[in-house]
Protein backbone atom coordinates (compact mmCIF):
# COMPACT_ATOMS: atom_id res chain seq x y z
CA MET A 1 0.06 0.28 -0.38
CA THR A 2 1.29 3.76 -0.71
CA GLY A 3 -1.40 5.68 1.37
CA MET A 4 -0.95 7.62 4.77
CA ARG A 5 1.89 6.46 6.64
CA GLY A 6 -0.44 5.05 9.13
CA VAL A 7 -2.75 4.22 7.11
CA GLU A 8 0.36 1.66 5.32
CA LEU A 9 0.72 -0.63 8.47
CA LEU A 10 -3.03 -1.12 8.61
CA ALA A 11 -3.70 -4.35 6.47
CA ALA A 12 -7.22 -5.48 5.52
CA VAL A 13 -8.09 -6.61 8.87
CA ALA A 14 -5.83 -5.04 12.59
CA LEU A 15 -3.34 -7.51 13.38
CA VAL A 16 -2.30 -5.33 16.08
CA THR A 17 -4.93 -3.45 17.71
CA GLY A 18 -6.68 -0.89 19.96
CA CYS A 19 -8.60 0.33 22.76
CA GLY A 20 -9.59 3.89 24.21
CA SER A 21 -10.23 4.00 28.02
CA ASP A 22 -14.70 4.08 28.02
CA ASP A 23 -17.28 1.21 26.57
CA ALA A 24 -19.86 3.08 25.36
CA GLY A 25 -21.92 -0.61 26.38
CA SER A 26 -21.01 -3.69 28.72
CA SER A 27 -20.58 -7.41 28.16
CA SER A 28 -24.83 -7.94 28.56
CA THR A 29 -25.85 -4.28 26.87
CA ALA A 30 -23.22 -4.28 23.56
CA LYS A 31 -24.26 -4.31 20.31
CA GLU A 32 -22.76 -4.54 16.59
CA GLY A 33 -20.40 -1.48 16.44
CA ASP A 34 -20.58 -0.42 19.93
CA SER A 35 -16.84 1.65 20.56
CA CYS A 36 -15.10 -1.19 22.70
CA SER A 37 -11.70 -1.09 24.44
CA ARG A 38 -11.34 -4.17 25.84
CA GLU A 39 -13.00 -7.74 25.07
CA ALA A 40 -14.57 -8.30 27.89
CA ALA A 41 -16.60 -5.30 26.91
CA CYS A 42 -18.50 -7.17 23.80
CA GLY A 43 -18.50 -10.80 25.29
CA GLY A 44 -21.74 -12.60 25.24
CA GLN A 45 -23.37 -11.53 22.47
CA SER A 46 -21.13 -13.84 20.09
CA LEU A 47 -19.50 -10.37 19.53
CA THR A 48 -15.50 -9.48 19.95
CA CYS A 49 -13.66 -5.91 20.13
CA ARG A 50 -12.02 -5.46 17.08
CA PHE A 51 -9.64 -3.30 15.24
CA VAL A 52 -11.88 -1.06 12.67
CA ALA A 53 -9.84 -1.53 9.43
CA ALA A 54 -10.87 1.46 7.41
CA SER A 55 -9.42 3.92 10.57
CA ALA A 56 -6.10 5.13 10.65
CA THR A 57 -6.41 5.36 14.38
CA ALA A 58 -6.47 2.67 17.39
CA GLU A 59 -10.32 2.89 17.26
CA ALA A 60 -12.40 -0.28 17.87
CA THR A 61 -16.09 -1.42 17.61
CA CYS A 62 -18.20 -4.61 18.87
CA GLN A 63 -18.02 -6.70 15.73
CA PRO A 64 -19.22 -10.08 15.29
CA GLU A 65 -17.11 -13.05 16.11
CA ALA A 66 -15.57 -14.97 13.46
CA SER A 67 -17.25 -18.70 12.84
CA THR A 68 -13.65 -20.65 13.04
CA GLY A 69 -10.14 -19.40 14.68
CA SER A 70 -8.81 -19.91 17.84
CA ALA A 71 -9.11 -18.53 20.88
CA ALA A 72 -6.37 -16.05 22.57
CA GLY A 73 -3.02 -17.43 23.71
CA ALA A 74 -2.57 -19.78 20.07
CA GLU A 75 -0.18 -19.68 17.39
CA CYS A 76 -1.33 -18.01 14.20
CA SER A 77 -0.01 -17.07 10.64
CA SER A 78 -2.75 -14.16 9.93
CA THR A 79 -6.31 -12.34 11.71
CA ALA A 80 -8.26 -15.47 9.91
CA ASP A 81 -6.34 -17.94 12.51
CA CYS A 82 -8.28 -16.41 15.48
CA ARG A 83 -11.50 -15.84 16.74
CA THR A 84 -10.88 -12.08 17.38
CA GLY A 85 -9.37 -10.87 14.61
CA VAL A 86 -5.75 -9.73 16.34
CA CYS A 87 -2.44 -11.91 15.29
CA HIS A 88 0.43 -10.58 17.01
CA PHE A 89 3.63 -11.84 16.65
CA GLY A 90 2.04 -15.06 15.90
CA VAL A 91 -0.11 -15.26 18.85
CA CYS A 92 -3.96 -14.80 18.61
CA SER A 93 -4.72 -12.11 21.26
CA ASP A 94 -7.48 -9.93 22.97
CA LEU A 95 -7.84 -5.82 23.13
CA CYS A 96 -7.96 -5.32 26.74
CA GLY A 97 -8.08 -2.11 29.60
CA GLN A 98 -6.12 -3.90 32.54
CA THR A 99 -4.08 -6.95 32.84
CA GLY A 100 -7.23 -8.57 34.88
CA ASP A 101 -8.95 -8.77 31.17
CA CYS A 102 -6.19 -10.64 30.01
CA GLY A 103 -5.64 -14.79 30.66
CA SER A 104 -3.19 -16.26 33.33
CA GLY A 105 0.65 -15.34 32.48
CA ASN A 106 -0.46 -12.34 30.58
CA VAL A 107 -0.35 -8.94 31.03
CA CYS A 108 -2.70 -6.13 28.99
CA GLU A 109 0.12 -3.67 27.14
CA GLU A 110 0.60 -0.65 25.06
CA ILE A 111 1.94 -1.34 22.08
CA SER A 112 1.87 0.54 18.29
CA VAL A 113 0.02 -0.50 15.89
CA ILE A 114 2.03 -2.52 12.44
CA GLU A 115 0.74 -5.40 10.93
CA GLY A 116 1.51 -8.21 12.77
CA GLY A 117 3.84 -6.66 15.34
CA ALA A 118 6.77 -6.37 12.48
CA GLN A 119 6.09 -5.03 8.69
CA ILE A 120 7.74 -4.25 5.47
CA LEU A 121 7.88 -0.65 4.20
CA SER A 122 9.11 0.86 1.31
CA ALA A 123 10.73 3.56 3.92
CA CYS A 124 10.46 4.17 7.45
CA PRO A 125 7.12 6.42 8.72
CA ASP A 126 7.06 9.09 11.62
CA LEU A 127 7.08 6.52 14.10
CA SER A 128 5.94 9.04 16.83
CA SER A 129 2.48 9.48 14.75
CA LEU A 130 1.48 5.35 14.87
CA PRO A 131 -1.53 4.97 16.90
CA ARG A 132 -1.02 3.12 20.35
CA ALA A 133 -3.28 0.81 21.71
CA LYS A 134 -3.30 -1.88 24.56
CA LEU A 135 -3.51 -5.90 23.71
CA CYS A 136 -2.98 -9.11 26.04
CA GLN A 137 0.58 -10.22 25.50
CA PRO A 138 2.19 -12.80 27.45
CA GLU A 139 4.21 -12.28 30.06
CA ARG A 140 7.71 -14.30 29.37
CA ALA A 141 7.93 -15.75 25.57
CA ARG A 142 9.90 -15.81 22.29
CA LEU A 143 7.69 -14.03 19.66
CA VAL A 144 8.62 -14.50 16.43
CA ARG A 145 7.04 -13.21 12.96
CA ASP A 146 8.96 -14.63 9.75
CA LEU A 147 8.88 -11.93 7.00
CA GLY A 148 9.89 -13.59 3.92
CA SER A 149 11.91 -12.37 1.44
CA VAL A 150 12.95 -8.43 2.11
CA ALA A 151 14.37 -6.51 -0.47
CA ASP A 152 17.62 -4.63 -0.44
CA GLY A 153 16.75 -0.65 0.71
CA LYS A 154 13.39 -2.10 2.08
CA VAL A 155 12.86 -1.47 5.58
CA ILE A 156 11.26 -3.18 8.71
CA VAL A 157 8.82 -1.34 11.05
CA LEU A 158 8.59 -3.92 14.56
CA ASP A 159 7.39 -2.75 18.59
CA PHE A 160 9.38 -2.82 21.49
CA PRO A 161 7.09 -2.58 24.18
CA GLU A 162 7.93 -2.37 27.43
CA GLY A 163 7.38 -5.61 28.52
CA ALA A 164 9.98 -6.37 25.74
CA ALA A 165 13.85 -7.71 26.90
CA SER A 166 15.66 -7.93 23.24
CA PHE A 167 14.23 -7.59 19.64
CA SER A 168 16.53 -9.71 17.15
CA LEU A 169 16.36 -9.41 13.43
CA VAL A 170 18.20 -12.17 11.50
CA GLY A 171 18.78 -12.08 7.93
CA ARG A 172 19.96 -15.07 5.88
CA THR A 173 20.11 -15.59 2.36
CA GLU A 174 22.08 -18.70 -0.35
CA GLY A 175 24.45 -16.14 -1.61
CA ALA A 176 28.31 -14.88 0.01
CA GLU A 177 27.15 -11.62 -0.07
CA PRO A 178 27.28 -9.38 3.15
CA VAL A 179 24.01 -9.57 5.22
CA GLY A 180 23.35 -6.57 6.91
CA PHE A 181 21.19 -3.90 8.06
CA GLY A 182 22.31 -0.73 7.20
CA ARG A 183 20.66 1.95 9.96
CA LEU A 184 18.16 0.90 12.83
CA GLU A 185 16.12 4.68 13.64
CA ALA A 186 14.60 4.31 17.42
CA PRO A 187 10.91 5.53 18.48
CA ASP A 188 11.98 8.97 19.26
CA GLY A 189 13.88 9.18 15.83
CA GLU A 190 17.26 8.78 16.82
CA GLU A 191 19.84 7.01 14.71
CA ILE A 192 21.19 4.56 17.03
CA PHE A 193 23.08 2.34 14.18
CA LEU A 194 24.50 3.29 10.85
CA SER A 195 26.34 1.35 9.00
CA THR A 196 29.95 2.73 7.99
CA ASP A 197 32.93 1.24 7.02
CA ASP A 198 34.90 3.54 9.05
CA PRO A 199 35.67 1.39 11.77
CA ALA A 200 35.91 4.70 14.07
CA GLN A 201 32.74 5.45 13.05
CA MET A 202 31.12 2.10 13.58
CA LEU A 203 32.19 1.89 17.16
CA LYS A 204 30.12 5.28 18.18
CA ASN A 205 26.95 3.58 17.83
CA ASP A 206 24.55 3.04 20.34
CA VAL A 207 23.68 -0.38 19.18
CA TRP A 208 27.03 -2.90 17.52
CA PHE A 209 26.39 -4.43 14.60
CA TYR A 210 28.26 -6.09 11.74
CA PRO A 211 27.58 -7.56 8.57
CA ASP A 212 28.44 -11.28 7.51
CA ALA A 213 28.16 -13.62 4.52
CA PHE A 214 25.05 -15.94 4.94
CA VAL A 215 23.29 -14.83 7.71
CA SER A 216 23.73 -12.58 10.78
CA THR A 217 21.83 -11.15 13.59
CA LEU A 218 20.83 -7.77 14.58
CA GLN A 219 19.95 -7.48 18.42
CA VAL A 220 18.80 -4.69 20.42
CA PRO A 221 20.33 -3.60 23.20
CA THR A 222 23.76 -4.57 22.84
CA THR A 223 24.90 -3.22 26.09
CA PRO A 224 22.68 -1.81 29.59
CA ASP A 225 25.01 2.07 29.16
CA HIS A 226 22.44 3.29 26.51
CA SER A 227 18.81 3.74 27.58
CA LEU A 228 16.64 2.72 24.76
CA ALA A 229 12.33 4.05 24.00
CA ARG A 230 9.91 1.59 23.71
CA GLY A 231 8.05 1.82 20.86
CA PRO A 232 8.53 1.40 17.15
CA PHE A 233 11.61 0.92 15.57
CA CYS A 234 12.63 1.14 12.05
CA ALA A 235 15.57 -0.75 10.17
CA SER A 236 16.90 -0.99 6.93
CA VAL A 237 18.09 -3.72 4.77
CA LYS A 238 21.41 -3.12 3.38
CA SER A 239 22.38 -6.58 1.47
CA GLY A 240 23.72 -7.60 -2.28
CA GLY A 241 20.05 -9.43 -2.81
CA PRO A 242 16.56 -10.36 -1.00
CA LEU A 243 17.27 -11.52 2.52
CA GLN A 244 14.75 -13.62 4.20
CA VAL A 245 13.89 -12.29 7.82
CA GLU A 246 12.77 -13.22 10.88
CA ALA A 247 11.92 -10.97 13.74
CA ILE A 248 12.08 -12.11 17.20
CA VAL A 249 10.80 -10.30 20.48
CA LYS A 250 12.10 -12.03 23.69
CA ARG A 251 9.90 -10.92 26.65
CA ASP A 252 10.31 -11.34 30.34
CA GLN A 253 8.81 -9.77 33.26
CA GLY A 254 8.61 -6.00 33.48
CA GLY A 255 11.05 -6.58 30.14
CA ASP A 256 14.00 -7.64 32.14
CA VAL A 257 16.12 -11.04 32.69
CA ALA A 258 16.68 -11.74 35.99
CA HIS A 259 18.01 -15.37 34.92
CA GLY A 260 17.66 -17.87 31.92
CA LYS A 261 18.74 -21.24 31.28
CA LEU A 262 21.03 -22.51 27.97
CA SER A 263 20.86 -25.75 26.47
CA LEU A 264 24.49 -26.94 24.51
CA ASN A 265 24.08 -29.59 21.85
CA ILE A 266 27.64 -31.10 22.11
CA TYR A 267 28.92 -32.28 18.73
CA LEU A 268 32.29 -35.03 18.97
CA THR A 269 33.86 -34.06 15.80
CA GLY A 270 36.70 -36.64 14.28
CA LEU A 271 38.09 -37.05 18.26
CA GLU A 272 39.43 -40.45 17.36
CA ALA A 273 42.78 -39.72 17.75
CA ALA A 274 42.75 -36.18 19.93
CA GLY A 275 45.09 -35.51 23.00
CA CYS A 276 45.00 -33.67 25.35
CA GLY A 277 42.84 -37.03 27.31
CA LEU A 278 40.52 -36.64 24.97
CA ALA A 279 40.90 -39.40 22.46
CA GLY A 280 38.30 -41.58 21.99
CA ILE A 281 35.45 -39.94 23.60
CA THR A 282 32.02 -40.86 21.87
CA ALA A 283 28.19 -39.54 22.81
CA ALA A 284 27.62 -42.78 24.84
CA THR A 285 30.97 -42.08 27.38
CA ALA A 286 30.79 -37.88 27.43
CA SER A 287 28.98 -37.06 30.29
CA SER A 288 31.09 -38.61 32.04
CA HIS A 289 34.18 -38.53 31.15
CA ALA A 290 36.54 -36.39 33.15
CA VAL A 291 38.39 -34.26 30.96
CA LEU A 292 34.97 -32.98 29.16
CA SER A 293 32.93 -33.27 32.27
CA ASP A 294 35.49 -30.27 34.34
CA ALA A 295 35.37 -28.20 31.64
CA LEU A 296 31.61 -28.06 31.26
CA GLU A 297 31.50 -27.71 35.04
CA SER A 298 34.09 -24.68 34.34
CA ALA A 299 31.98 -23.36 31.92
CA ARG A 300 28.95 -24.27 33.95
CA THR A 301 30.75 -21.96 37.35
CA ILE A 302 31.19 -19.45 34.31
CA PHE A 303 27.86 -18.99 33.49
CA GLU A 304 26.20 -18.71 36.92
CA GLY A 305 28.70 -15.87 37.54
CA ALA A 306 26.30 -14.06 34.74
CA ALA A 307 22.83 -15.82 36.18
CA ILE A 308 22.53 -18.63 33.55
CA GLU A 309 21.97 -22.02 34.34
CA LEU A 310 23.61 -24.94 31.92
CA GLY A 311 20.40 -27.01 31.24
CA GLU A 312 19.94 -29.86 28.94
CA LEU A 313 23.42 -31.22 27.38
CA SER A 314 23.03 -33.19 24.39
CA TYR A 315 25.74 -35.28 22.71
CA HIS A 316 26.29 -36.31 19.63
CA ASP A 317 29.16 -38.39 17.09
CA ARG A 318 30.43 -36.97 14.21
CA THR A 319 33.64 -38.21 12.55
CA THR A 320 36.32 -36.70 10.56
CA ILE A 321 35.32 -34.68 7.81
CA PRO A 322 38.13 -33.46 5.10
CA ALA A 323 36.94 -29.54 5.93
CA ILE A 324 38.34 -29.97 9.74
CA ALA A 325 42.11 -30.31 7.92
CA THR A 326 41.56 -26.97 7.02
CA LEU A 327 39.82 -24.77 9.50
CA THR A 328 41.58 -21.64 9.79
CA THR A 329 40.19 -18.37 11.92
CA SER A 330 41.24 -15.97 8.94
CA ASP A 331 38.53 -17.76 6.68
CA PRO A 332 35.56 -18.38 8.56
CA SER A 333 34.14 -20.05 5.63
CA THR A 334 36.30 -22.92 6.63
CA PHE A 335 34.04 -23.45 9.37
CA ASP A 336 31.07 -23.61 7.80
CA PRO A 337 31.20 -27.29 6.38
CA VAL A 338 31.27 -27.98 10.19
CA PHE A 339 28.22 -25.95 11.46
CA ALA A 340 26.15 -27.80 8.53
CA LEU A 341 26.67 -31.25 10.74
CA ALA A 342 24.36 -30.18 13.25
CA THR A 343 21.77 -32.11 11.78
CA GLU A 344 20.22 -33.26 14.91
CA SER A 345 19.54 -30.01 17.22
CA GLN A 346 16.21 -28.27 18.13
CA GLY A 347 14.89 -25.28 19.04
CA PHE A 348 16.82 -22.75 21.14
CA SER A 349 19.78 -23.87 21.84
CA VAL A 350 23.66 -24.00 21.03
CA ASP A 351 25.33 -26.22 18.92
CA VAL A 352 28.92 -26.41 20.82
CA PHE A 353 32.00 -28.72 18.07
CA VAL A 354 34.87 -29.96 19.74
CA VAL A 355 37.78 -30.76 16.64
CA LYS A 356 40.86 -32.66 17.39
CA THR A 357 42.64 -29.07 17.00
CA ILE A 358 42.29 -25.62 14.81
CA PRO A 359 45.72 -24.52 13.63
CA ASP A 360 45.72 -20.72 14.72
CA GLY A 361 43.23 -20.48 17.42
CA ALA A 362 41.58 -21.53 20.39
CA GLY A 363 37.74 -21.62 19.24
CA PHE A 364 35.88 -20.08 16.98
CA ALA A 365 31.88 -18.46 17.20
CA GLY A 366 30.14 -17.83 13.95
CA HIS A 367 28.85 -14.80 14.32
CA MET A 368 28.52 -12.02 17.19
CA PRO A 369 25.85 -12.74 17.98
CA GLY A 370 24.68 -15.64 16.03
CA PRO A 371 20.96 -16.41 14.69
CA PRO A 372 19.11 -17.40 17.77
CA GLY A 373 16.94 -21.22 17.34
CA LYS A 374 18.83 -21.85 13.71
CA HIS A 375 20.91 -25.05 13.55
CA GLY A 376 23.45 -26.49 10.24
CA LEU A 377 22.99 -22.98 8.65
CA PRO A 378 26.80 -21.03 8.13
CA ARG A 379 28.08 -19.08 10.94
CA SER A 380 25.27 -20.71 13.19
CA GLY A 381 27.51 -22.50 15.76
CA VAL A 382 31.35 -21.94 17.90
CA VAL A 383 34.14 -24.58 17.33
CA VAL A 384 36.83 -25.24 20.35
CA SER A 385 39.88 -26.96 19.85
CA ALA A 386 40.64 -30.32 22.07
CA ASP A 387 44.01 -29.12 22.79
CA THR A 388 42.76 -26.74 24.75
CA ALA A 389 42.20 -28.89 27.79
CA CYS A 390 46.12 -29.33 27.56
CA THR A 391 46.21 -25.96 28.73
CA LYS A 392 43.14 -26.28 31.36
CA THR A 393 40.94 -23.88 29.41
CA LEU A 394 38.79 -25.82 27.79
CA GLY A 395 35.78 -24.69 29.42
CA VAL A 396 36.99 -21.44 29.60
CA THR A 397 37.01 -21.87 25.40
CA ILE A 398 33.43 -23.41 25.78
CA ALA A 399 31.69 -20.45 27.49
CA HIS A 400 34.11 -17.76 25.97
CA GLU A 401 32.76 -18.96 22.19
CA VAL A 402 29.41 -19.41 23.57
CA SER A 403 29.45 -16.32 24.73
CA HIS A 404 30.40 -14.57 21.10
CA LEU A 405 27.01 -16.29 19.98
CA LEU A 406 25.42 -14.75 22.48
CA GLY A 407 26.23 -11.27 21.40
CA LEU A 408 29.49 -10.36 23.27
CA PHE A 409 32.78 -8.95 21.71
CA HIS A 410 35.97 -8.63 22.97
CA ASN A 411 36.39 -6.97 25.99
CA TYR A 412 39.63 -5.34 24.42
CA GLN A 413 40.70 -5.75 20.88
CA PRO A 414 43.95 -4.49 19.94
CA ASP A 415 43.42 -4.73 16.13
CA PRO A 416 41.98 -1.86 15.41
CA GLY A 417 42.03 -0.83 18.88
CA PHE A 418 38.71 -0.67 20.61
CA GLU A 419 36.95 -1.89 24.22
CA ASP A 420 33.32 -3.29 24.11
CA PRO A 421 30.63 -1.45 24.78
CA ILE A 422 29.53 -2.49 28.07
CA ALA A 423 31.11 0.01 30.69
CA ASP A 424 31.68 -2.19 33.57
CA SER A 425 33.62 -5.01 32.04
CA SER A 426 37.32 -5.14 32.45
CA SER A 427 39.91 -5.10 29.94
CA GLY A 428 41.94 -7.40 32.33
CA LYS A 429 42.61 -11.15 31.35
CA GLU A 430 40.21 -11.85 34.27
CA ASN A 431 37.47 -11.26 32.24
CA LEU A 432 35.82 -14.45 30.31
CA MET A 433 36.13 -12.14 26.80
CA TYR A 434 40.08 -11.64 26.81
CA ILE A 435 41.42 -12.38 23.54
CA THR A 436 43.12 -15.16 24.93
CA ALA A 437 41.20 -17.67 26.85
CA THR A 438 43.48 -18.17 29.95
CA PRO A 439 42.32 -20.50 33.46
CA GLU A 440 41.67 -17.40 35.04
CA SER A 441 39.47 -15.66 32.31
CA THR A 442 36.25 -16.62 34.29
CA GLN A 443 34.51 -13.12 35.17
CA ILE A 444 31.29 -11.85 33.14
CA SER A 445 30.76 -8.38 34.55
CA PRO A 446 26.44 -7.43 35.40
CA GLY A 447 26.46 -5.64 32.20
CA GLN A 448 27.75 -8.72 29.76
CA GLY A 449 25.35 -11.00 31.81
CA PHE A 450 22.61 -8.40 30.90
CA VAL A 451 23.25 -8.73 27.31
CA LEU A 452 24.06 -12.66 27.86
CA ARG A 453 20.60 -13.29 29.28
CA ARG A 454 18.49 -11.22 26.27
CA HIS A 455 19.86 -13.35 23.43
CA PRO A 456 16.52 -15.60 22.68
CA ASN A 457 18.78 -18.72 22.90
CA VAL A 458 18.70 -18.22 26.58
CA GLY A 459 15.90 -19.10 27.62
CA TRP A 460 13.79 -19.76 31.37
């Protein structure tokens, strides 16, 4: 659609809808066409409180309830899937006036009226003019919207309400061209990310992101030190061709994530002749293997310092593949055949490949941050060298590389010379994200924990 900015965001029927503060009728007296501000105002009369499709504001009226469709809380892909005609980030939702109008585990929250919660447009609208509305939202959830193919130069508008802890945009392409986003505008109109070839300018962004081949993830926030406005954000696509884009909003109580749980899929890859006590380890013996168990206990202790519990650990055998002989951290593409071996992983978890050796490094993370809930794709896991067990740093290396995938940068990067965007992370070797892992590199600062817990791969 190419009409007014506000109207452009409203598809044929309301996917995200609104409410006022007063209802013209009650559940016993409401009739079709009455203004409403919550689902209960129309209940009991085969009516539902729905958005007025032709309106450029958050006007809602009592309308006939759909004869088919799911109730609030069910998964959906369009308005037709929902009894009330409200599908927001893949969940059927009700209009509300207060949290008491919503079911258990849900809150009544003001949101921006954006089709489905996230929408592709030709240009950023005036974000401050978008209508606002109240909608029942899950208090704790990962909400996912598959936006399909997005052409280079298009923009994505999505809402970041008070109850959200983070949002992520995951871009994928089949080619090796850089996958990225060019600009991110906050609800107050501030430009908080601008893509540039100048590293010094890139470091001035409030949100850190860099493009990569095949797949990359823009996650917000990347630091607790920049206060972000809540409401609609607008991100522009900058890539060599169309991207497959998925938007993910992670919600938790009050928009905070006090603790989390992380599941790891551990692929023992070509370790038949590994050294450092790991030779011959298999998935069947891994859980009781002294060297690996000690390493995972070390990683567990490190993550506990960030209020993250290691949850399910699964073990998988993988034989040597030719690509392992050519691994080099100077060429990320050499790791992609290893990541492709993650054929048994599911859901929001992290793939950890333990290989015999990486000639020029201790470990490698596919991207910072990595794509949430994706497995078997290029840049979608971490690889660690079994050689690190000889220096008693296997557990530190696992925690370090996994933390990269969850959004942390090195605390200090000597080339080109910068510190990470988190003020309370020390630049010394005691920090987990020190560029060279040591047995003492075990500390995670509160600010680093803030970022880690907000990645969608960290659950509850």
